[in-house]
Amino acid sequence: MTDISLHYRSEVPLTATVSAVGQLFATWRQRARERQELATLDYRMIRDLGLSPGDIRFEANKPFWRD
């Protein structure tokens, strides 16, 4: 009979998983904020960036989880 607790002794994988999930959420929040900011740019600012209004709409309408 094996001791099942041997499989769960290390906290490192759990800590790494929690850290990775936290980083993922932070990335998603940052994308959402940046896309909201893009949506507020006026035509002159869009042109200064070398983009078109369609480019901005495309990026601003992407879901936060898409890169």
PDB file of N, CA and C in Angstrom:
ATOM      1  N   MET A   1       0.853  -1.176   0.000  1.00  0.00           N
ATOM      2  CA  MET A   1       0.000   0.000   0.000  1.00  0.00           C
ATOM      3  C   MET A   1       0.902   1.242   0.000  1.00  0.00           C
ATOM      4  N   THR A   2       0.620   2.197  -0.853  1.00  0.00           N
ATOM      5  CA  THR A   2       1.421   3.412  -0.915  1.00  0.00           C
ATOM      6  C   THR A   2       0.784   4.517  -0.090  1.00  0.00           C
ATOM      7  N   ASP A   3       1.638   5.358   0.417  1.00  0.00           N
ATOM      8  CA  ASP A   3       1.170   6.500   1.202  1.00  0.00           C
ATOM      9  C   ASP A   3       0.828   7.637   0.235  1.00  0.00           C
ATOM     10  N   ILE A   4      -0.434   7.948   0.089  1.00  0.00           N
ATOM     11  CA  ILE A   4      -0.881   8.970  -0.867  1.00  0.00           C
ATOM     12  C   ILE A   4      -0.336  10.356  -0.531  1.00  0.00           C
ATOM     13  N   SER A   5      -0.023  10.603   0.722  1.00  0.00           N
ATOM     14  CA  SER A   5       0.485  11.919   1.106  1.00  0.00           C
ATOM     15  C   SER A   5       1.853  12.205   0.502  1.00  0.00           C
ATOM     16  N   LEU A   6       2.584  11.186   0.093  1.00  0.00           N
ATOM     17  CA  LEU A   6       3.888  11.392  -0.542  1.00  0.00           C
ATOM     18  C   LEU A   6       3.746  12.165  -1.851  1.00  0.00           C
ATOM     19  N   HIS A   7       2.637  12.032  -2.508  1.00  0.00           N
ATOM     20  CA  HIS A   7       2.425  12.706  -3.780  1.00  0.00           C
ATOM     21  C   HIS A   7       2.136  14.199  -3.617  1.00  0.00           C
ATOM     22  N   TYR A   8       1.796  14.621  -2.438  1.00  0.00           N
ATOM     23  CA  TYR A   8       1.375  16.013  -2.221  1.00  0.00           C
ATOM     24  C   TYR A   8       2.260  16.744  -1.215  1.00  0.00           C
ATOM     25  N   ARG A   9       3.476  16.301  -1.033  1.00  0.00           N
ATOM     26  CA  ARG A   9       4.349  16.910  -0.035  1.00  0.00           C
ATOM     27  C   ARG A   9       4.879  18.276  -0.452  1.00  0.00           C
ATOM     28  N   SER A  10       5.114  18.481  -1.707  1.00  0.00           N
ATOM     29  CA  SER A  10       5.742  19.724  -2.153  1.00  0.00           C
ATOM     30  C   SER A  10       4.696  20.796  -2.417  1.00  0.00           C
ATOM     31  N   GLU A  11       4.964  21.996  -1.916  1.00  0.00           N
ATOM     32  CA  GLU A  11       4.077  23.133  -2.155  1.00  0.00           C
ATOM     33  C   GLU A  11       4.524  23.942  -3.366  1.00  0.00           C
ATOM     34  N   VAL A  12       5.683  23.620  -3.901  1.00  0.00           N
ATOM     35  CA  VAL A  12       6.222  24.389  -5.024  1.00  0.00           C
ATOM     36  C   VAL A  12       5.302  24.353  -6.235  1.00  0.00           C
ATOM     37  N   PRO A  13       4.819  23.196  -6.683  1.00  0.00           N
ATOM     38  CA  PRO A  13       3.939  23.227  -7.852  1.00  0.00           C
ATOM     39  C   PRO A  13       2.676  24.058  -7.630  1.00  0.00           C
ATOM     40  N   LEU A  14       2.105  23.992  -6.442  1.00  0.00           N
ATOM     41  CA  LEU A  14       0.912  24.783  -6.155  1.00  0.00           C
ATOM     42  C   LEU A  14       1.242  26.265  -6.174  1.00  0.00           C
ATOM     43  N   THR A  15       2.352  26.644  -5.586  1.00  0.00           N
ATOM     44  CA  THR A  15       2.764  28.046  -5.569  1.00  0.00           C
ATOM     45  C   THR A  15       3.009  28.550  -6.983  1.00  0.00           C
ATOM     46  N   ALA A  16       3.664  27.734  -7.783  1.00  0.00           N
ATOM     47  CA  ALA A  16       3.939  28.124  -9.168  1.00  0.00           C
ATOM     48  C   ALA A  16       2.639  28.266  -9.958  1.00  0.00           C
ATOM     49  N   THR A  17       1.696  27.388  -9.722  1.00  0.00           N
ATOM     50  CA  THR A  17       0.407  27.450 -10.415  1.00  0.00           C
ATOM     51  C   THR A  17      -0.361  28.709 -10.030  1.00  0.00           C
ATOM     52  N   VAL A  18      -0.398  28.995  -8.738  1.00  0.00           N
ATOM     53  CA  VAL A  18      -1.102  30.194  -8.270  1.00  0.00           C
ATOM     54  C   VAL A  18      -0.440  31.443  -8.842  1.00  0.00           C
ATOM     55  N   SER A  19       0.873  31.457  -8.883  1.00  0.00           N
ATOM     56  CA  SER A  19       1.609  32.593  -9.446  1.00  0.00           C
ATOM     57  C   SER A  19       1.308  32.757 -10.931  1.00  0.00           C
ATOM     58  N   ALA A  20       1.281  31.650 -11.661  1.00  0.00           N
ATOM     59  CA  ALA A  20       0.999  31.703 -13.099  1.00  0.00           C
ATOM     60  C   ALA A  20      -0.416  32.203 -13.365  1.00  0.00           C
ATOM     61  N   VAL A  21      -1.360  31.768 -12.572  1.00  0.00           N
ATOM     62  CA  VAL A  21      -2.747  32.225 -12.730  1.00  0.00           C
ATOM     63  C   VAL A  21      -2.845  33.714 -12.420  1.00  0.00           C
ATOM     64  N   GLY A  22      -2.161  34.156 -11.372  1.00  0.00           N
ATOM     65  CA  GLY A  22      -2.146  35.585 -11.044  1.00  0.00           C
ATOM     66  C   GLY A  22      -1.557  36.412 -12.163  1.00  0.00           C
ATOM     67  N   GLN A  23      -0.466  35.927 -12.759  1.00  0.00           N
ATOM     68  CA  GLN A  23       0.158  36.637 -13.878  1.00  0.00           C
ATOM     69  C   GLN A  23      -0.779  36.679 -15.084  1.00  0.00           C
ATOM     70  N   LEU A  24      -1.487  35.590 -15.331  1.00  0.00           N
ATOM     71  CA  LEU A  24      -2.442  35.546 -16.436  1.00  0.00           C
ATOM     72  C   LEU A  24      -3.543  36.585 -16.230  1.00  0.00           C
ATOM     73  N   PHE A  25      -4.087  36.663 -15.029  1.00  0.00           N
ATOM     74  CA  PHE A  25      -5.123  37.661 -14.738  1.00  0.00           C
ATOM     75  C   PHE A  25      -4.588  39.080 -14.906  1.00  0.00           C
ATOM     76  N   ALA A  26      -3.360  39.317 -14.472  1.00  0.00           N
ATOM     77  CA  ALA A  26      -2.752  40.648 -14.631  1.00  0.00           C
ATOM     78  C   ALA A  26      -2.598  40.999 -16.108  1.00  0.00           C
ATOM     79  N   THR A  27      -2.196  40.035 -16.910  1.00  0.00           N
ATOM     80  CA  THR A  27      -2.062  40.259 -18.355  1.00  0.00           C
ATOM     81  C   THR A  27      -3.420  40.588 -18.966  1.00  0.00           C
ATOM     82  N   TRP A  28      -4.440  39.851 -18.568  1.00  0.00           N
ATOM     83  CA  TRP A  28      -5.782  40.100 -19.097  1.00  0.00           C
ATOM     84  C   TRP A  28      -6.278  41.491 -18.721  1.00  0.00           C
ATOM     85  N   ARG A  29      -6.039  41.901 -17.466  1.00  0.00           N
ATOM     86  CA  ARG A  29      -6.460  43.245 -17.036  1.00  0.00           C
ATOM     87  C   ARG A  29      -5.731  44.318 -17.836  1.00  0.00           C
ATOM     88  N   GLN A  30      -4.446  44.120 -18.066  1.00  0.00           N
ATOM     89  CA  GLN A  30      -3.668  45.092 -18.834  1.00  0.00           C
ATOM     90  C   GLN A  30      -4.177  45.192 -20.270  1.00  0.00           C
ATOM     91  N   ARG A  31      -4.447  44.057 -20.903  1.00  0.00           N
ATOM     92  CA  ARG A  31      -4.981  44.079 -22.269  1.00  0.00           C
ATOM     93  C   ARG A  31      -6.314  44.818 -22.320  1.00  0.00           C
ATOM     94  N   ALA A  32      -7.179  44.536 -21.363  1.00  0.00           N
ATOM     95  CA  ALA A  32      -8.491  45.195 -21.343  1.00  0.00           C
ATOM     96  C   ALA A  32      -8.334  46.705 -21.216  1.00  0.00           C
ATOM     97  N   ARG A  33      -7.456  47.152 -20.309  1.00  0.00           N
ATOM     98  CA  ARG A  33      -7.216  48.598 -20.138  1.00  0.00           C
ATOM     99  C   ARG A  33      -6.651  49.221 -21.408  1.00  0.00           C
ATOM    100  N   GLU A  34      -5.675  48.566 -22.013  1.00  0.00           N
ATOM    101  CA  GLU A  34      -5.059  49.113 -23.225  1.00  0.00           C
ATOM    102  C   GLU A  34      -6.064  49.194 -24.376  1.00  0.00           C
ATOM    103  N   ARG A  35      -6.918  48.206 -24.493  1.00  0.00           N
ATOM    104  CA  ARG A  35      -7.915  48.217 -25.563  1.00  0.00           C
ATOM    105  C   ARG A  35      -8.977  49.280 -25.312  1.00  0.00           C
ATOM    106  N   GLN A  36      -9.298  49.524 -24.050  1.00  0.00           N
ATOM    107  CA  GLN A  36     -10.228  50.611 -23.734  1.00  0.00           C
ATOM    108  C   GLN A  36      -9.607  51.948 -24.112  1.00  0.00           C
ATOM    109  N   GLU A  37      -8.329  52.113 -23.831  1.00  0.00           N
ATOM    110  CA  GLU A  37      -7.638  53.356 -24.188  1.00  0.00           C
ATOM    111  C   GLU A  37      -7.601  53.539 -25.709  1.00  0.00           C
ATOM    112  N   LEU A  38      -7.321  52.478 -26.439  1.00  0.00           N
ATOM    113  CA  LEU A  38      -7.298  52.571 -27.903  1.00  0.00           C
ATOM    114  C   LEU A  38      -8.636  53.068 -28.437  1.00  0.00           C
ATOM    115  N   ALA A  39      -9.711  52.576 -27.847  1.00  0.00           N
ATOM    116  CA  ALA A  39     -11.051  52.945 -28.317  1.00  0.00           C
ATOM    117  C   ALA A  39     -11.346  54.430 -28.115  1.00  0.00           C
ATOM    118  N   THR A  40     -10.592  55.104 -27.250  1.00  0.00           N
ATOM    119  CA  THR A  40     -10.859  56.521 -26.986  1.00  0.00           C
ATOM    120  C   THR A  40     -10.013  57.464 -27.837  1.00  0.00           C
ATOM    121  N   LEU A  41      -9.095  56.915 -28.646  1.00  0.00           N
ATOM    122  CA  LEU A  41      -8.223  57.774 -29.452  1.00  0.00           C
ATOM    123  C   LEU A  41      -9.013  58.497 -30.540  1.00  0.00           C
ATOM    124  N   ASP A  42      -8.651  59.746 -30.776  1.00  0.00           N
ATOM    125  CA  ASP A  42      -9.291  60.475 -31.870  1.00  0.00           C
ATOM    126  C   ASP A  42      -8.549  60.199 -33.185  1.00  0.00           C
ATOM    127  N   TYR A  43      -9.120  60.668 -34.281  1.00  0.00           N
ATOM    128  CA  TYR A  43      -8.581  60.367 -35.607  1.00  0.00           C
ATOM    129  C   TYR A  43      -7.131  60.828 -35.749  1.00  0.00           C
ATOM    130  N   ARG A  44      -6.807  62.008 -35.233  1.00  0.00           N
ATOM    131  CA  ARG A  44      -5.447  62.536 -35.354  1.00  0.00           C
ATOM    132  C   ARG A  44      -4.448  61.623 -34.640  1.00  0.00           C
ATOM    133  N   MET A  45      -4.800  61.176 -33.449  1.00  0.00           N
ATOM    134  CA  MET A  45      -3.909  60.291 -32.695  1.00  0.00           C
ATOM    135  C   MET A  45      -3.729  58.951 -33.411  1.00  0.00           C
ATOM    136  N   ILE A  46      -4.812  58.442 -33.962  1.00  0.00           N
ATOM    137  CA  ILE A  46      -4.752  57.177 -34.708  1.00  0.00           C
ATOM    138  C   ILE A  46      -3.823  57.331 -35.904  1.00  0.00           C
ATOM    139  N   ARG A  47      -3.982  58.426 -36.619  1.00  0.00           N
ATOM    140  CA  ARG A  47      -3.141  58.698 -37.790  1.00  0.00           C
ATOM    141  C   ARG A  47      -1.679  58.847 -37.377  1.00  0.00           C
ATOM    142  N   ASP A  48      -1.418  59.530 -36.259  1.00  0.00           N
ATOM    143  CA  ASP A  48      -0.047  59.697 -35.764  1.00  0.00           C
ATOM    144  C   ASP A  48       0.614  58.350 -35.451  1.00  0.00           C
ATOM    145  N   LEU A  49      -0.179  57.389 -35.051  1.00  0.00           N
ATOM    146  CA  LEU A  49       0.342  56.050 -34.766  1.00  0.00           C
ATOM    147  C   LEU A  49       0.563  55.236 -36.039  1.00  0.00           C
ATOM    148  N   GLY A  50       0.098  55.773 -37.175  1.00  0.00           N
ATOM    149  CA  GLY A  50       0.234  55.059 -38.438  1.00  0.00           C
ATOM    150  C   GLY A  50      -0.787  53.949 -38.604  1.00  0.00           C
ATOM    151  N   LEU A  51      -1.903  54.092 -37.913  1.00  0.00           N
ATOM    152  CA  LEU A  51      -2.956  53.084 -37.963  1.00  0.00           C
ATOM    153  C   LEU A  51      -4.202  53.669 -38.608  1.00  0.00           C
ATOM    154  N   SER A  52      -5.135  52.803 -38.921  1.00  0.00           N
ATOM    155  CA  SER A  52      -6.420  53.247 -39.448  1.00  0.00           C
ATOM    156  C   SER A  52      -7.485  53.060 -38.371  1.00  0.00           C
ATOM    157  N   PRO A  53      -8.603  53.752 -38.513  1.00  0.00           N
ATOM    158  CA  PRO A  53      -9.697  53.526 -37.555  1.00  0.00           C
ATOM    159  C   PRO A  53     -10.133  52.056 -37.510  1.00  0.00           C
ATOM    160  N   GLY A  54     -10.068  51.381 -38.650  1.00  0.00           N
ATOM    161  CA  GLY A  54     -10.413  49.956 -38.690  1.00  0.00           C
ATOM    162  C   GLY A  54      -9.452  49.109 -37.863  1.00  0.00           C
ATOM    163  N   ASP A  55      -8.159  49.464 -37.925  1.00  0.00           N
ATOM    164  CA  ASP A  55      -7.169  48.757 -37.105  1.00  0.00           C
ATOM    165  C   ASP A  55      -7.508  48.901 -35.623  1.00  0.00           C
ATOM    166  N   ILE A  56      -7.854  50.105 -35.236  1.00  0.00           N
ATOM    167  CA  ILE A  56      -8.181  50.377 -33.832  1.00  0.00           C
ATOM    168  C   ILE A  56      -9.434  49.619 -33.423  1.00  0.00           C
ATOM    169  N   ARG A  57     -10.463  49.663 -34.255  1.00  0.00           N
ATOM    170  CA  ARG A  57     -11.704  48.934 -33.946  1.00  0.00           C
ATOM    171  C   ARG A  57     -11.431  47.442 -33.795  1.00  0.00           C
ATOM    172  N   PHE A  58     -10.633  46.892 -34.721  1.00  0.00           N
ATOM    173  CA  PHE A  58     -10.320  45.463 -34.672  1.00  0.00           C
ATOM    174  C   PHE A  58      -9.652  45.102 -33.345  1.00  0.00           C
ATOM    175  N   GLU A  59      -8.631  45.866 -32.976  1.00  0.00           N
ATOM    176  CA  GLU A  59      -7.895  45.572 -31.737  1.00  0.00           C
ATOM    177  C   GLU A  59      -8.752  45.835 -30.496  1.00  0.00           C
ATOM    178  N   ALA A  60      -9.486  46.921 -30.491  1.00  0.00           N
ATOM    179  CA  ALA A  60     -10.294  47.296 -29.323  1.00  0.00           C
ATOM    180  C   ALA A  60     -11.439  46.299 -29.086  1.00  0.00           C
ATOM    181  N   ASN A  61     -11.895  45.646 -30.130  1.00  0.00           N
ATOM    182  CA  ASN A  61     -13.017  44.709 -29.995  1.00  0.00           C
ATOM    183  C   ASN A  61     -12.585  43.277 -29.709  1.00  0.00           C
ATOM    184  N   LYS A  62     -11.302  43.032 -29.667  1.00  0.00           N
ATOM    185  CA  LYS A  62     -10.823  41.686 -29.342  1.00  0.00           C
ATOM    186  C   LYS A  62     -11.128  41.391 -27.880  1.00  0.00           C
ATOM    187  N   PRO A  63     -11.468  40.161 -27.561  1.00  0.00           N
ATOM    188  CA  PRO A  63     -11.664  39.797 -26.151  1.00  0.00           C
ATOM    189  C   PRO A  63     -10.327  39.890 -25.411  1.00  0.00           C
ATOM    190  N   PHE A  64     -10.376  40.152 -24.128  1.00  0.00           N
ATOM    191  CA  PHE A  64      -9.167  40.361 -23.331  1.00  0.00           C
ATOM    192  C   PHE A  64      -8.256  39.136 -23.309  1.00  0.00           C
ATOM    193  N   TRP A  65      -8.793  37.962 -23.524  1.00  0.00           N
ATOM    194  CA  TRP A  65      -7.971  36.758 -23.438  1.00  0.00           C
ATOM    195  C   TRP A  65      -7.205  36.467 -24.734  1.00  0.00           C
ATOM    196  N   ARG A  66      -7.526  37.202 -25.816  1.00  0.00           N
ATOM    197  CA  ARG A  66      -6.802  37.009 -27.076  1.00  0.00           C
ATOM    198  C   ARG A  66      -5.640  37.966 -27.176  1.00  0.00           C
ATOM    199  N   ASP A  67      -4.514  37.444 -27.618  1.00  0.00           N
ATOM    200  CA  ASP A  67      -3.300  38.237 -27.775  1.00  0.00           C
ATOM    201  C   ASP A  67      -3.376  39.060 -29.048  1.00  0.00           C
TER     202      ASP A  67
END
